[in-house]
Amino acid sequence: MRQGQIYQAIKEENETKKLQAELKMEKAKRKKAEMETSFLKKLDEIERRRG
């Protein structure tokens, strides 16, 4: 491997790691939003029962 190829391989690896980290963060955000939605639905259901 030449120096340029090594540099390119490292750059691609760093980009892959960056994208994986971003994906993990987005999945966590989505899960949090789903949990909040679920909680609010349950709360709404309880409030309706109380009348």
C-alpha atoms as a PDB file:
ATOM      1  CA  MET A   1       0.000   0.000   0.000  1.00  0.00           C
ATOM      2  CA  ARG A   2       1.211   3.424  -0.845  1.00  0.00           C
ATOM      3  CA  GLN A   3       0.962   6.350   1.542  1.00  0.00           C
ATOM      4  CA  GLY A   4      -2.009   7.831  -0.344  1.00  0.00           C
ATOM      5  CA  GLN A   5      -3.865   4.526  -0.164  1.00  0.00           C
ATOM      6  CA  ILE A   6      -3.179   4.242   3.569  1.00  0.00           C
ATOM      7  CA  TYR A   7      -4.438   7.795   4.107  1.00  0.00           C
ATOM      8  CA  GLN A   8      -7.589   7.027   2.107  1.00  0.00           C
ATOM      9  CA  ALA A   9      -8.213   3.796   4.058  1.00  0.00           C
ATOM     10  CA  ILE A  10      -7.867   5.624   7.387  1.00  0.00           C
ATOM     11  CA  LYS A  11     -10.158   8.411   6.165  1.00  0.00           C
ATOM     12  CA  GLU A  12     -12.804   5.885   5.101  1.00  0.00           C
ATOM     13  CA  GLU A  13     -12.519   4.027   8.420  1.00  0.00           C
ATOM     14  CA  ASN A  14     -12.965   7.276  10.353  1.00  0.00           C
ATOM     15  CA  GLU A  15     -15.999   8.186   8.244  1.00  0.00           C
ATOM     16  CA  THR A  16     -17.501   4.748   8.880  1.00  0.00           C
ATOM     17  CA  LYS A  17     -17.000   5.117  12.634  1.00  0.00           C
ATOM     18  CA  LYS A  18     -18.518   8.599  12.532  1.00  0.00           C
ATOM     19  CA  LEU A  19     -21.583   7.343  10.659  1.00  0.00           C
ATOM     20  CA  GLN A  20     -21.977   4.401  13.036  1.00  0.00           C
ATOM     21  CA  ALA A  21     -21.883   6.777  16.013  1.00  0.00           C
ATOM     22  CA  GLU A  22     -24.463   9.055  14.372  1.00  0.00           C
ATOM     23  CA  LEU A  23     -26.708   6.070  13.677  1.00  0.00           C
ATOM     24  CA  LYS A  24     -26.451   4.951  17.291  1.00  0.00           C
ATOM     25  CA  MET A  25     -27.428   8.441  18.470  1.00  0.00           C
ATOM     26  CA  GLU A  26     -30.389   8.598  16.090  1.00  0.00           C
ATOM     27  CA  LYS A  27     -31.605   5.182  17.248  1.00  0.00           C
ATOM     28  CA  ALA A  28     -31.391   6.368  20.861  1.00  0.00           C
ATOM     29  CA  LYS A  29     -33.356   9.519  19.995  1.00  0.00           C
ATOM     30  CA  ARG A  30     -36.022   7.447  18.273  1.00  0.00           C
ATOM     31  CA  LYS A  31     -36.293   5.069  21.213  1.00  0.00           C
ATOM     32  CA  LYS A  32     -36.634   7.999  23.621  1.00  0.00           C
ATOM     33  CA  ALA A  33     -39.371   9.541  21.461  1.00  0.00           C
ATOM     34  CA  GLU A  34     -41.200   6.202  21.310  1.00  0.00           C
ATOM     35  CA  MET A  35     -40.999   5.867  25.094  1.00  0.00           C
ATOM     36  CA  GLU A  36     -42.302   9.405  25.587  1.00  0.00           C
ATOM     37  CA  THR A  37     -45.182   8.748  23.202  1.00  0.00           C
ATOM     38  CA  SER A  38     -46.047   5.524  24.986  1.00  0.00           C
ATOM     39  CA  PHE A  39     -45.947   7.269  28.357  1.00  0.00           C
ATOM     40  CA  LEU A  40     -48.174  10.101  27.158  1.00  0.00           C
ATOM     41  CA  LYS A  41     -50.691   7.641  25.713  1.00  0.00           C
ATOM     42  CA  LYS A  42     -50.837   5.794  29.049  1.00  0.00           C
ATOM     43  CA  LEU A  43     -51.209   9.082  30.925  1.00  0.00           C
ATOM     44  CA  ASP A  44     -54.013  10.152  28.602  1.00  0.00           C
ATOM     45  CA  GLU A  45     -55.742   6.797  29.132  1.00  0.00           C
ATOM     46  CA  ILE A  46     -55.515   7.173  32.921  1.00  0.00           C
ATOM     47  CA  GLU A  47     -56.849  10.729  32.804  1.00  0.00           C
ATOM     48  CA  ARG A  48     -59.806   9.624  30.663  1.00  0.00           C
ATOM     49  CA  ARG A  49     -60.674   6.902  33.176  1.00  0.00           C
ATOM     50  CA  ARG A  50     -60.737   9.432  36.001  1.00  0.00           C
ATOM     51  CA  GLY A  51     -63.280  11.407  34.038  1.00  0.00           C
END
